[in-house]
Structures are given as C-alpha cells and as structure tokens.
Amino acid sequence: MYIDKATKSTNLFEARPQNSEVKQGSWSRIAPLLVAAIDFGTTYSGWSYSFKHEFELDPTKASTKRWHGDQLVSLKAPTCVLIEPDGETFSAFGYDAETKYTRLAGAEKLE
C-alpha cells in the first residue's frame, strides 16, 4: 500500500524504489499483480485471490481454497486451530484440526 505523506491518503499501489539507492522522493507506484482476501470468521474461515491478468479477463473470477472434510468439500473451513501440547507448535487447522482432536479425545477415553 502506498501512503502519500502530503495528503495522508492511501491507495492500493505498492511503493518501491526506482533504483538501488533509496533517496527522498524516489518512490514509484506499481500496480499490484495479486489481490488476496482472508475471512476469519467466528465459525468458518476461508481465503481467495485473483491475479491482475485474470481480473482483466473476468472481474468476477477469484480462486478460492477448497477445504476437504470427511466426505465434504467446502469453500470455508471451521475456524479451529489445534496446537501441540508444548503450547507453541501449530498442529492443524479447520477440518483437519477437528478430525485430529476427535481422534485424540477418543484415544484418551480408552486409556
């Protein structure tokens, strides 16, 4: 995102130096090649993206992650994160987290 310091306005352009030396006022605007959206919901979450060349051909087209649960394919997954017992290591997200947790809870009941 480019922020115009004079007007304090923003736009969806990326700011990059014109050459290897970064000097005051040497920023140019380059149109983004990709736009992405992430939806973190309280129940379900998902993400999608569109490349500039695809948008120019069909503005309604967006590529969306397809999540797989047992016998289900969905554009969103449950907002579930499973963390390892060390409290720091990510284990699984979405349907994978639900499935793994169910298996772990079932194994714990057998002990």
PDB file of N, CA and C in Angstrom:
ATOM      1  N   MET A   1       0.851  -1.159   0.000  1.00  0.00           N
ATOM      2  CA  MET A   1       0.000   0.000   0.000  1.00  0.00           C
ATOM      3  C   MET A   1       0.900   1.225   0.000  1.00  0.00           C
ATOM      4  N   TYR A   2       0.535   2.217  -0.760  1.00  0.00           N
ATOM      5  CA  TYR A   2       1.294   3.460  -0.847  1.00  0.00           C
ATOM      6  C   TYR A   2       0.590   4.513  -0.009  1.00  0.00           C
ATOM      7  N   ILE A   3       1.323   5.203   0.838  1.00  0.00           N
ATOM      8  CA  ILE A   3       0.756   6.263   1.661  1.00  0.00           C
ATOM      9  C   ILE A   3       1.382   7.584   1.221  1.00  0.00           C
ATOM     10  N   ASP A   4       0.553   8.509   0.766  1.00  0.00           N
ATOM     11  CA  ASP A   4       1.017   9.838   0.356  1.00  0.00           C
ATOM     12  C   ASP A   4       1.169  10.673   1.618  1.00  0.00           C
ATOM     13  N   LYS A   5       2.403  10.999   1.986  1.00  0.00           N
ATOM     14  CA  LYS A   5       2.656  11.726   3.232  1.00  0.00           C
ATOM     15  C   LYS A   5       2.075  13.131   3.218  1.00  0.00           C
ATOM     16  N   ALA A   6       2.003  13.746   2.047  1.00  0.00           N
ATOM     17  CA  ALA A   6       1.493  15.110   1.965  1.00  0.00           C
ATOM     18  C   ALA A   6      -0.002  15.174   2.264  1.00  0.00           C
ATOM     19  N   THR A   7      -0.767  14.243   1.681  1.00  0.00           N
ATOM     20  CA  THR A   7      -2.224  14.274   1.864  1.00  0.00           C
ATOM     21  C   THR A   7      -2.712  13.258   2.883  1.00  0.00           C
ATOM     22  N   LYS A   8      -1.820  12.396   3.354  1.00  0.00           N
ATOM     23  CA  LYS A   8      -2.142  11.313   4.294  1.00  0.00           C
ATOM     24  C   LYS A   8      -3.189  10.355   3.732  1.00  0.00           C
ATOM     25  N   SER A   9      -3.287  10.278   2.395  1.00  0.00           N
ATOM     26  CA  SER A   9      -4.227   9.363   1.760  1.00  0.00           C
ATOM     27  C   SER A   9      -3.505   8.078   1.380  1.00  0.00           C
ATOM     28  N   THR A  10      -4.273   7.010   1.219  1.00  0.00           N
ATOM     29  CA  THR A  10      -3.704   5.721   0.843  1.00  0.00           C
ATOM     30  C   THR A  10      -4.347   5.240  -0.440  1.00  0.00           C
ATOM     31  N   ASN A  11      -3.655   4.355  -1.139  1.00  0.00           N
ATOM     32  CA  ASN A  11      -4.246   3.684  -2.287  1.00  0.00           C
ATOM     33  C   ASN A  11      -3.656   2.288  -2.375  1.00  0.00           C
ATOM     34  N   LEU A  12      -4.164   1.499  -3.275  1.00  0.00           N
ATOM     35  CA  LEU A  12      -3.743   0.110  -3.365  1.00  0.00           C
ATOM     36  C   LEU A  12      -2.559  -0.093  -4.297  1.00  0.00           C
ATOM     37  N   PHE A  13      -1.621   0.810  -4.255  1.00  0.00           N
ATOM     38  CA  PHE A  13      -0.415   0.666  -5.039  1.00  0.00           C
ATOM     39  C   PHE A  13       0.745   0.369  -4.107  1.00  0.00           C
ATOM     40  N   GLU A  14       1.689  -0.361  -4.630  1.00  0.00           N
ATOM     41  CA  GLU A  14       2.854  -0.735  -3.858  1.00  0.00           C
ATOM     42  C   GLU A  14       3.948   0.290  -4.124  1.00  0.00           C
ATOM     43  N   ALA A  15       4.674   0.659  -3.103  1.00  0.00           N
ATOM     44  CA  ALA A  15       5.757   1.618  -3.275  1.00  0.00           C
ATOM     45  C   ALA A  15       7.086   0.880  -3.309  1.00  0.00           C
ATOM     46  N   ARG A  16       7.914   1.192  -4.319  1.00  0.00           N
ATOM     47  CA  ARG A  16       9.232   0.582  -4.456  1.00  0.00           C
ATOM     48  C   ARG A  16      10.226   1.627  -4.922  1.00  0.00           C
ATOM     49  N   PRO A  17      11.480   1.522  -4.529  1.00  0.00           N
ATOM     50  CA  PRO A  17      12.458   2.484  -5.015  1.00  0.00           C
ATOM     51  C   PRO A  17      12.697   2.300  -6.507  1.00  0.00           C
ATOM     52  N   GLN A  18      12.985   3.410  -7.222  1.00  0.00           N
ATOM     53  CA  GLN A  18      13.237   3.343  -8.659  1.00  0.00           C
ATOM     54  C   GLN A  18      14.588   2.727  -8.961  1.00  0.00           C
ATOM     55  N   ASN A  19      15.541   2.859  -8.079  1.00  0.00           N
ATOM     56  CA  ASN A  19      16.864   2.259  -8.279  1.00  0.00           C
ATOM     57  C   ASN A  19      17.341   1.676  -6.962  1.00  0.00           C
ATOM     58  N   SER A  20      18.548   1.162  -6.937  1.00  0.00           N
ATOM     59  CA  SER A  20      19.043   0.507  -5.733  1.00  0.00           C
ATOM     60  C   SER A  20      19.290   1.495  -4.597  1.00  0.00           C
ATOM     61  N   GLU A  21      19.510   2.771  -4.925  1.00  0.00           N
ATOM     62  CA  GLU A  21      19.695   3.778  -3.892  1.00  0.00           C
ATOM     63  C   GLU A  21      18.344   4.341  -3.500  1.00  0.00           C
ATOM     64  N   VAL A  22      18.049   4.294  -2.225  1.00  0.00           N
ATOM     65  CA  VAL A  22      16.785   4.842  -1.748  1.00  0.00           C
ATOM     66  C   VAL A  22      17.043   6.282  -1.334  1.00  0.00           C
ATOM     67  N   LYS A  23      16.444   7.217  -2.072  1.00  0.00           N
ATOM     68  CA  LYS A  23      16.603   8.637  -1.785  1.00  0.00           C
ATOM     69  C   LYS A  23      15.238   9.235  -1.493  1.00  0.00           C
ATOM     70  N   GLN A  24      15.231  10.350  -0.824  1.00  0.00           N
ATOM     71  CA  GLN A  24      14.000  11.068  -0.544  1.00  0.00           C
ATOM     72  C   GLN A  24      13.252  11.321  -1.851  1.00  0.00           C
ATOM     73  N   GLY A  25      11.985  10.923  -1.946  1.00  0.00           N
ATOM     74  CA  GLY A  25      11.165  11.176  -3.120  1.00  0.00           C
ATOM     75  C   GLY A  25      11.441  10.273  -4.306  1.00  0.00           C
ATOM     76  N   SER A  26      12.129   9.141  -4.108  1.00  0.00           N
ATOM     77  CA  SER A  26      12.471   8.275  -5.239  1.00  0.00           C
ATOM     78  C   SER A  26      11.538   7.079  -5.384  1.00  0.00           C
ATOM     79  N   TRP A  27      10.336   7.190  -4.843  1.00  0.00           N
ATOM     80  CA  TRP A  27       9.398   6.065  -4.886  1.00  0.00           C
ATOM     81  C   TRP A  27       8.507   6.161  -6.109  1.00  0.00           C
ATOM     82  N   SER A  28       8.237   5.032  -6.727  1.00  0.00           N
ATOM     83  CA  SER A  28       7.299   4.987  -7.847  1.00  0.00           C
ATOM     84  C   SER A  28       6.137   4.078  -7.474  1.00  0.00           C
ATOM     85  N   ARG A  29       5.035   4.233  -8.191  1.00  0.00           N
ATOM     86  CA  ARG A  29       3.860   3.395  -7.929  1.00  0.00           C
ATOM     87  C   ARG A  29       3.800   2.279  -8.959  1.00  0.00           C
ATOM     88  N   ILE A  30       3.588   1.059  -8.475  1.00  0.00           N
ATOM     89  CA  ILE A  30       3.471  -0.111  -9.343  1.00  0.00           C
ATOM     90  C   ILE A  30       2.149  -0.782  -9.012  1.00  0.00           C
ATOM     91  N   ALA A  31       1.331  -1.047 -10.014  1.00  0.00           N
ATOM     92  CA  ALA A  31       0.032  -1.680  -9.789  1.00  0.00           C
ATOM     93  C   ALA A  31       0.227  -3.087  -9.242  1.00  0.00           C
ATOM     94  N   PRO A  32      -0.607  -3.510  -8.298  1.00  0.00           N
ATOM     95  CA  PRO A  32      -0.477  -4.851  -7.727  1.00  0.00           C
ATOM     96  C   PRO A  32      -0.760  -5.939  -8.768  1.00  0.00           C
ATOM     97  N   LEU A  33      -0.069  -7.062  -8.655  1.00  0.00           N
ATOM     98  CA  LEU A  33      -0.283  -8.197  -9.551  1.00  0.00           C
ATOM     99  C   LEU A  33      -1.275  -9.195  -8.973  1.00  0.00           C
ATOM    100  N   LEU A  34      -1.519  -9.101  -7.659  1.00  0.00           N
ATOM    101  CA  LEU A  34      -2.360 -10.065  -6.965  1.00  0.00           C
ATOM    102  C   LEU A  34      -3.153  -9.351  -5.881  1.00  0.00           C
ATOM    103  N   VAL A  35      -4.405  -9.735  -5.740  1.00  0.00           N
ATOM    104  CA  VAL A  35      -5.221  -9.261  -4.632  1.00  0.00           C
ATOM    105  C   VAL A  35      -5.707 -10.492  -3.892  1.00  0.00           C
ATOM    106  N   ALA A  36      -5.575 -10.481  -2.574  1.00  0.00           N
ATOM    107  CA  ALA A  36      -5.984 -11.624  -1.761  1.00  0.00           C
ATOM    108  C   ALA A  36      -6.939 -11.163  -0.660  1.00  0.00           C
ATOM    109  N   ALA A  37      -7.835 -12.061  -0.260  1.00  0.00           N
ATOM    110  CA  ALA A  37      -8.776 -11.770   0.823  1.00  0.00           C
ATOM    111  C   ALA A  37      -8.784 -12.941   1.795  1.00  0.00           C
ATOM    112  N   ILE A  38      -8.776 -12.621   3.074  1.00  0.00           N
ATOM    113  CA  ILE A  38      -8.836 -13.639   4.125  1.00  0.00           C
ATOM    114  C   ILE A  38     -10.039 -13.331   5.005  1.00  0.00           C
ATOM    115  N   ASP A  39     -10.860 -14.331   5.239  1.00  0.00           N
ATOM    116  CA  ASP A  39     -12.051 -14.178   6.072  1.00  0.00           C
ATOM    117  C   ASP A  39     -11.887 -15.070   7.299  1.00  0.00           C
ATOM    118  N   PHE A  40     -11.552 -14.449   8.438  1.00  0.00           N
ATOM    119  CA  PHE A  40     -11.504 -15.186   9.699  1.00  0.00           C
ATOM    120  C   PHE A  40     -12.837 -14.981  10.386  1.00  0.00           C
ATOM    121  N   GLY A  41     -13.680 -15.983  10.328  1.00  0.00           N
ATOM    122  CA  GLY A  41     -14.991 -15.887  10.952  1.00  0.00           C
ATOM    123  C   GLY A  41     -14.995 -16.565  12.310  1.00  0.00           C
ATOM    124  N   THR A  42     -16.050 -16.344  13.070  1.00  0.00           N
ATOM    125  CA  THR A  42     -16.150 -16.987  14.380  1.00  0.00           C
ATOM    126  C   THR A  42     -16.470 -18.469  14.248  1.00  0.00           C
ATOM    127  N   THR A  43     -17.089 -18.860  13.139  1.00  0.00           N
ATOM    128  CA  THR A  43     -17.439 -20.259  12.916  1.00  0.00           C
ATOM    129  C   THR A  43     -16.654 -20.870  11.772  1.00  0.00           C
ATOM    130  N   TYR A  44     -16.601 -20.189  10.638  1.00  0.00           N
ATOM    131  CA  TYR A  44     -15.887 -20.688   9.461  1.00  0.00           C
ATOM    132  C   TYR A  44     -14.954 -19.615   8.913  1.00  0.00           C
ATOM    133  N   SER A  45     -13.887 -20.048   8.260  1.00  0.00           N
ATOM    134  CA  SER A  45     -12.909 -19.141   7.668  1.00  0.00           C
ATOM    135  C   SER A  45     -12.545 -19.624   6.269  1.00  0.00           C
ATOM    136  N   GLY A  46     -12.028 -18.705   5.471  1.00  0.00           N
ATOM    137  CA  GLY A  46     -11.609 -19.064   4.126  1.00  0.00           C
ATOM    138  C   GLY A  46     -10.731 -17.981   3.535  1.00  0.00           C
ATOM    139  N   TRP A  47     -10.207 -18.260   2.348  1.00  0.00           N
ATOM    140  CA  TRP A  47      -9.399 -17.259   1.648  1.00  0.00           C
ATOM    141  C   TRP A  47      -9.545 -17.431   0.151  1.00  0.00           C
ATOM    142  N   SER A  48      -9.291 -16.354  -0.570  1.00  0.00           N
ATOM    143  CA  SER A  48      -9.333 -16.390  -2.031  1.00  0.00           C
ATOM    144  C   SER A  48      -8.383 -15.333  -2.578  1.00  0.00           C
ATOM    145  N   TYR A  49      -8.126 -15.412  -3.886  1.00  0.00           N
ATOM    146  CA  TYR A  49      -7.206 -14.467  -4.515  1.00  0.00           C
ATOM    147  C   TYR A  49      -7.536 -14.337  -5.995  1.00  0.00           C
ATOM    148  N   SER A  50      -7.021 -13.272  -6.602  1.00  0.00           N
ATOM    149  CA  SER A  50      -7.190 -13.040  -8.027  1.00  0.00           C
ATOM    150  C   SER A  50      -5.936 -12.348  -8.553  1.00  0.00           C
ATOM    151  N   PHE A  51      -5.414 -12.840  -9.669  1.00  0.00           N
ATOM    152  CA  PHE A  51      -4.288 -12.205 -10.335  1.00  0.00           C
ATOM    153  C   PHE A  51      -4.806 -11.105 -11.256  1.00  0.00           C
ATOM    154  N   LYS A  52      -3.994 -10.088 -11.474  1.00  0.00           N
ATOM    155  CA  LYS A  52      -4.399  -8.956 -12.306  1.00  0.00           C
ATOM    156  C   LYS A  52      -4.839  -9.400 -13.698  1.00  0.00           C
ATOM    157  N   HIS A  53      -4.066 -10.286 -14.342  1.00  0.00           N
ATOM    158  CA  HIS A  53      -4.415 -10.708 -15.696  1.00  0.00           C
ATOM    159  C   HIS A  53      -5.746 -11.485 -15.725  1.00  0.00           C
ATOM    160  N   GLU A  54      -6.061 -12.227 -14.669  1.00  0.00           N
ATOM    161  CA  GLU A  54      -7.344 -12.928 -14.599  1.00  0.00           C
ATOM    162  C   GLU A  54      -8.486 -11.944 -14.372  1.00  0.00           C
ATOM    163  N   PHE A  55      -8.241 -10.939 -13.530  1.00  0.00           N
ATOM    164  CA  PHE A  55      -9.257  -9.927 -13.253  1.00  0.00           C
ATOM    165  C   PHE A  55      -9.612  -9.158 -14.524  1.00  0.00           C
ATOM    166  N   GLU A  56      -8.609  -8.852 -15.336  1.00  0.00           N
ATOM    167  CA  GLU A  56      -8.863  -8.122 -16.572  1.00  0.00           C
ATOM    168  C   GLU A  56      -9.709  -8.932 -17.552  1.00  0.00           C
ATOM    169  N   LEU A  57      -9.577 -10.262 -17.539  1.00  0.00           N
ATOM    170  CA  LEU A  57     -10.388 -11.121 -18.406  1.00  0.00           C
ATOM    171  C   LEU A  57     -11.798 -11.311 -17.862  1.00  0.00           C
ATOM    172  N   ASP A  58     -11.891 -11.492 -16.539  1.00  0.00           N
ATOM    173  CA  ASP A  58     -13.186 -11.733 -15.900  1.00  0.00           C
ATOM    174  C   ASP A  58     -13.137 -11.206 -14.466  1.00  0.00           C
ATOM    175  N   PRO A  59     -13.655  -9.988 -14.219  1.00  0.00           N
ATOM    176  CA  PRO A  59     -13.577  -9.383 -12.883  1.00  0.00           C
ATOM    177  C   PRO A  59     -14.299 -10.170 -11.788  1.00  0.00           C
ATOM    178  N   THR A  60     -15.201 -11.078 -12.161  1.00  0.00           N
ATOM    179  CA  THR A  60     -15.932 -11.848 -11.151  1.00  0.00           C
ATOM    180  C   THR A  60     -15.202 -13.130 -10.753  1.00  0.00           C
ATOM    181  N   LYS A  61     -14.097 -13.447 -11.423  1.00  0.00           N
ATOM    182  CA  LYS A  61     -13.384 -14.688 -11.137  1.00  0.00           C
ATOM    183  C   LYS A  61     -12.395 -14.495  -9.990  1.00  0.00           C
ATOM    184  N   ALA A  62     -12.457 -15.381  -9.025  1.00  0.00           N
ATOM    185  CA  ALA A  62     -11.498 -15.414  -7.927  1.00  0.00           C
ATOM    186  C   ALA A  62     -11.207 -16.877  -7.617  1.00  0.00           C
ATOM    187  N   SER A  63      -9.963 -17.187  -7.367  1.00  0.00           N
ATOM    188  CA  SER A  63      -9.590 -18.551  -6.986  1.00  0.00           C
ATOM    189  C   SER A  63      -9.770 -18.690  -5.476  1.00  0.00           C
ATOM    190  N   THR A  64     -10.438 -19.746  -5.068  1.00  0.00           N
ATOM    191  CA  THR A  64     -10.761 -19.945  -3.660  1.00  0.00           C
ATOM    192  C   THR A  64     -10.272 -21.304  -3.199  1.00  0.00           C
ATOM    193  N   LYS A  65      -9.721 -21.361  -2.008  1.00  0.00           N
ATOM    194  CA  LYS A  65      -9.267 -22.611  -1.409  1.00  0.00           C
ATOM    195  C   LYS A  65     -10.468 -23.509  -1.168  1.00  0.00           C
ATOM    196  N   ARG A  66     -10.349 -24.761  -1.560  1.00  0.00           N
ATOM    197  CA  ARG A  66     -11.391 -25.757  -1.275  1.00  0.00           C
ATOM    198  C   ARG A  66     -10.899 -26.622  -0.119  1.00  0.00           C
ATOM    199  N   TRP A  67     -11.698 -26.669   0.936  1.00  0.00           N
ATOM    200  CA  TRP A  67     -11.357 -27.417   2.140  1.00  0.00           C
ATOM    201  C   TRP A  67     -12.058 -28.767   2.092  1.00  0.00           C
ATOM    202  N   HIS A  68     -11.372 -29.809   2.514  1.00  0.00           N
ATOM    203  CA  HIS A  68     -11.922 -31.166   2.493  1.00  0.00           C
ATOM    204  C   HIS A  68     -12.090 -31.682   3.918  1.00  0.00           C
ATOM    205  N   GLY A  69     -13.318 -32.056   4.229  1.00  0.00           N
ATOM    206  CA  GLY A  69     -13.627 -32.730   5.474  1.00  0.00           C
ATOM    207  C   GLY A  69     -14.147 -34.100   5.090  1.00  0.00           C
ATOM    208  N   ASP A  70     -14.162 -35.039   5.962  1.00  0.00           N
ATOM    209  CA  ASP A  70     -14.520 -36.428   5.670  1.00  0.00           C
ATOM    210  C   ASP A  70     -15.087 -36.658   4.264  1.00  0.00           C
ATOM    211  N   GLN A  71     -16.353 -36.371   4.053  1.00  0.00           N
ATOM    212  CA  GLN A  71     -16.967 -36.549   2.729  1.00  0.00           C
ATOM    213  C   GLN A  71     -17.489 -35.217   2.192  1.00  0.00           C
ATOM    214  N   LEU A  72     -16.919 -34.130   2.667  1.00  0.00           N
ATOM    215  CA  LEU A  72     -17.417 -32.805   2.347  1.00  0.00           C
ATOM    216  C   LEU A  72     -16.326 -31.967   1.686  1.00  0.00           C
ATOM    217  N   VAL A  73     -16.704 -31.176   0.698  1.00  0.00           N
ATOM    218  CA  VAL A  73     -15.813 -30.178   0.103  1.00  0.00           C
ATOM    219  C   VAL A  73     -16.517 -28.839   0.273  1.00  0.00           C
ATOM    220  N   SER A  74     -15.807 -27.862   0.836  1.00  0.00           N
ATOM    221  CA  SER A  74     -16.417 -26.576   1.148  1.00  0.00           C
ATOM    222  C   SER A  74     -15.463 -25.442   0.794  1.00  0.00           C
ATOM    223  N   LEU A  75     -16.010 -24.241   0.572  1.00  0.00           N
ATOM    224  CA  LEU A  75     -15.184 -23.067   0.323  1.00  0.00           C
ATOM    225  C   LEU A  75     -14.698 -22.434   1.620  1.00  0.00           C
ATOM    226  N   LYS A  76     -15.216 -22.911   2.748  1.00  0.00           N
ATOM    227  CA  LYS A  76     -14.766 -22.434   4.060  1.00  0.00           C
ATOM    228  C   LYS A  76     -14.526 -23.629   4.967  1.00  0.00           C
ATOM    229  N   ALA A  77     -13.652 -23.425   5.937  1.00  0.00           N
ATOM    230  CA  ALA A  77     -13.331 -24.475   6.904  1.00  0.00           C
ATOM    231  C   ALA A  77     -13.678 -23.979   8.301  1.00  0.00           C
ATOM    232  N   PRO A  78     -13.927 -24.889   9.226  1.00  0.00           N
ATOM    233  CA  PRO A  78     -14.179 -24.460  10.600  1.00  0.00           C
ATOM    234  C   PRO A  78     -12.989 -23.643  11.131  1.00  0.00           C
ATOM    235  N   THR A  79     -13.286 -22.597  11.864  1.00  0.00           N
ATOM    236  CA  THR A  79     -12.231 -21.778  12.456  1.00  0.00           C
ATOM    237  C   THR A  79     -11.733 -22.485  13.715  1.00  0.00           C
ATOM    238  N   CYS A  80     -10.965 -23.545  13.514  1.00  0.00           N
ATOM    239  CA  CYS A  80     -10.412 -24.368  14.600  1.00  0.00           C
ATOM    240  C   CYS A  80      -8.910 -24.489  14.393  1.00  0.00           C
ATOM    241  N   VAL A  81      -8.161 -24.215  15.424  1.00  0.00           N
ATOM    242  CA  VAL A  81      -6.706 -24.377  15.374  1.00  0.00           C
ATOM    243  C   VAL A  81      -6.326 -25.352  16.473  1.00  0.00           C
ATOM    244  N   LEU A  82      -5.542 -26.355  16.117  1.00  0.00           N
ATOM    245  CA  LEU A  82      -5.070 -27.339  17.090  1.00  0.00           C
ATOM    246  C   LEU A  82      -3.582 -27.091  17.312  1.00  0.00           C
ATOM    247  N   ILE A  83      -3.223 -26.885  18.566  1.00  0.00           N
ATOM    248  CA  ILE A  83      -1.840 -26.609  18.954  1.00  0.00           C
ATOM    249  C   ILE A  83      -1.301 -27.821  19.706  1.00  0.00           C
ATOM    250  N   GLU A  84      -0.035 -28.137  19.466  1.00  0.00           N
ATOM    251  CA  GLU A  84       0.613 -29.265  20.155  1.00  0.00           C
ATOM    252  C   GLU A  84       0.687 -28.996  21.661  1.00  0.00           C
ATOM    253  N   PRO A  85       0.864 -30.042  22.478  1.00  0.00           N
ATOM    254  CA  PRO A  85       0.904 -29.880  23.938  1.00  0.00           C
ATOM    255  C   PRO A  85       1.970 -28.899  24.446  1.00  0.00           C
ATOM    256  N   ASP A  86       3.006 -28.613  23.627  1.00  0.00           N
ATOM    257  CA  ASP A  86       4.020 -27.656  24.087  1.00  0.00           C
ATOM    258  C   ASP A  86       3.470 -26.235  24.134  1.00  0.00           C
ATOM    259  N   GLY A  87       2.254 -26.023  23.590  1.00  0.00           N
ATOM    260  CA  GLY A  87       1.608 -24.724  23.636  1.00  0.00           C
ATOM    261  C   GLY A  87       2.106 -23.737  22.594  1.00  0.00           C
ATOM    262  N   GLU A  88       3.039 -24.150  21.734  1.00  0.00           N
ATOM    263  CA  GLU A  88       3.612 -23.230  20.754  1.00  0.00           C
ATOM    264  C   GLU A  88       3.553 -23.736  19.318  1.00  0.00           C
ATOM    265  N   THR A  89       3.544 -25.048  19.136  1.00  0.00           N
ATOM    266  CA  THR A  89       3.644 -25.624  17.802  1.00  0.00           C
ATOM    267  C   THR A  89       2.269 -25.836  17.180  1.00  0.00           C
ATOM    268  N   PHE A  90       2.100 -25.286  15.966  1.00  0.00           N
ATOM    269  CA  PHE A  90       0.867 -25.460  15.214  1.00  0.00           C
ATOM    270  C   PHE A  90       0.748 -26.917  14.771  1.00  0.00           C
ATOM    271  N   SER A  91      -0.424 -27.502  14.932  1.00  0.00           N
ATOM    272  CA  SER A  91      -0.641 -28.885  14.541  1.00  0.00           C
ATOM    273  C   SER A  91      -1.569 -29.001  13.329  1.00  0.00           C
ATOM    274  N   ALA A  92      -2.721 -28.341  13.374  1.00  0.00           N
ATOM    275  CA  ALA A  92      -3.690 -28.467  12.277  1.00  0.00           C
ATOM    276  C   ALA A  92      -4.686 -27.322  12.322  1.00  0.00           C
ATOM    277  N   PHE A  93      -5.375 -27.114  11.189  1.00  0.00           N
ATOM    278  CA  PHE A  93      -6.398 -26.082  11.082  1.00  0.00           C
ATOM    279  C   PHE A  93      -7.625 -26.649  10.384  1.00  0.00           C
ATOM    280  N   GLY A  94      -8.794 -26.133  10.725  1.00  0.00           N
ATOM    281  CA  GLY A  94     -10.030 -26.475  10.026  1.00  0.00           C
ATOM    282  C   GLY A  94     -10.505 -27.894  10.267  1.00  0.00           C
ATOM    283  N   TYR A  95     -10.940 -28.535   9.186  1.00  0.00           N
ATOM    284  CA  TYR A  95     -11.449 -29.905   9.289  1.00  0.00           C
ATOM    285  C   TYR A  95     -10.370 -30.855   9.808  1.00  0.00           C
ATOM    286  N   ASP A  96      -9.117 -30.633   9.399  1.00  0.00           N
ATOM    287  CA  ASP A  96      -8.016 -31.480   9.884  1.00  0.00           C
ATOM    288  C   ASP A  96      -7.878 -31.365  11.392  1.00  0.00           C
ATOM    289  N   ALA A  97      -8.026 -30.162  11.931  1.00  0.00           N
ATOM    290  CA  ALA A  97      -7.934 -29.963  13.383  1.00  0.00           C
ATOM    291  C   ALA A  97      -9.078 -30.668  14.105  1.00  0.00           C
ATOM    292  N   GLU A  98     -10.291 -30.549  13.561  1.00  0.00           N
ATOM    293  CA  GLU A  98     -11.435 -31.232  14.182  1.00  0.00           C
ATOM    294  C   GLU A  98     -11.246 -32.743  14.175  1.00  0.00           C
ATOM    295  N   THR A  99     -10.811 -33.294  13.046  1.00  0.00           N
ATOM    296  CA  THR A  99     -10.614 -34.743  12.931  1.00  0.00           C
ATOM    297  C   THR A  99      -9.534 -35.229  13.885  1.00  0.00           C
ATOM    298  N   LYS A 100      -8.414 -34.520  13.910  1.00  0.00           N
ATOM    299  CA  LYS A 100      -7.313 -34.931  14.787  1.00  0.00           C
ATOM    300  C   LYS A 100      -7.713 -34.838  16.261  1.00  0.00           C
ATOM    301  N   TYR A 101      -8.429 -33.777  16.630  1.00  0.00           N
ATOM    302  CA  TYR A 101      -8.871 -33.620  18.016  1.00  0.00           C
ATOM    303  C   TYR A 101      -9.838 -34.737  18.409  1.00  0.00           C
ATOM    304  N   THR A 102     -10.751 -35.081  17.505  1.00  0.00           N
ATOM    305  CA  THR A 102     -11.701 -36.171  17.784  1.00  0.00           C
ATOM    306  C   THR A 102     -10.966 -37.473  18.033  1.00  0.00           C
ATOM    307  N   ARG A 103      -9.957 -37.766  17.208  1.00  0.00           N
ATOM    308  CA  ARG A 103      -9.173 -38.980  17.402  1.00  0.00           C
ATOM    309  C   ARG A 103      -8.405 -38.968  18.714  1.00  0.00           C
ATOM    310  N   LEU A 104      -7.800 -37.821  19.038  1.00  0.00           N
ATOM    311  CA  LEU A 104      -7.054 -37.708  20.293  1.00  0.00           C
ATOM    312  C   LEU A 104      -7.977 -37.853  21.505  1.00  0.00           C
ATOM    313  N   ALA A 105      -9.151 -37.239  21.438  1.00  0.00           N
ATOM    314  CA  ALA A 105     -10.108 -37.323  22.555  1.00  0.00           C
ATOM    315  C   ALA A 105     -10.611 -38.751  22.700  1.00  0.00           C
ATOM    316  N   GLY A 106     -10.852 -39.438  21.594  1.00  0.00           N
ATOM    317  CA  GLY A 106     -11.296 -40.829  21.653  1.00  0.00           C
ATOM    318  C   GLY A 106     -10.224 -41.739  22.223  1.00  0.00           C
ATOM    319  N   ALA A 107      -8.971 -41.519  21.856  1.00  0.00           N
ATOM    320  CA  ALA A 107      -7.863 -42.335  22.366  1.00  0.00           C
ATOM    321  C   ALA A 107      -7.678 -42.094  23.857  1.00  0.00           C
ATOM    322  N   GLU A 108      -7.895 -40.865  24.317  1.00  0.00           N
ATOM    323  CA  GLU A 108      -7.752 -40.544  25.737  1.00  0.00           C
ATOM    324  C   GLU A 108      -8.803 -41.243  26.567  1.00  0.00           C
ATOM    325  N   LYS A 109     -10.020 -41.390  26.030  1.00  0.00           N
ATOM    326  CA  LYS A 109     -11.105 -42.072  26.756  1.00  0.00           C
ATOM    327  C   LYS A 109     -10.782 -43.564  26.920  1.00  0.00           C
ATOM    328  N   LEU A 110     -10.053 -44.142  25.969  1.00  0.00           N
ATOM    329  CA  LEU A 110      -9.710 -45.558  26.030  1.00  0.00           C
ATOM    330  C   LEU A 110      -8.625 -45.845  27.077  1.00  0.00           C
ATOM    331  N   GLU A 111      -7.883 -44.843  27.441  1.00  0.00           N
ATOM    332  CA  GLU A 111      -6.791 -45.073  28.422  1.00  0.00           C
ATOM    333  C   GLU A 111      -7.280 -45.188  29.826  1.00  0.00           C
TER     334      GLU A 111
END
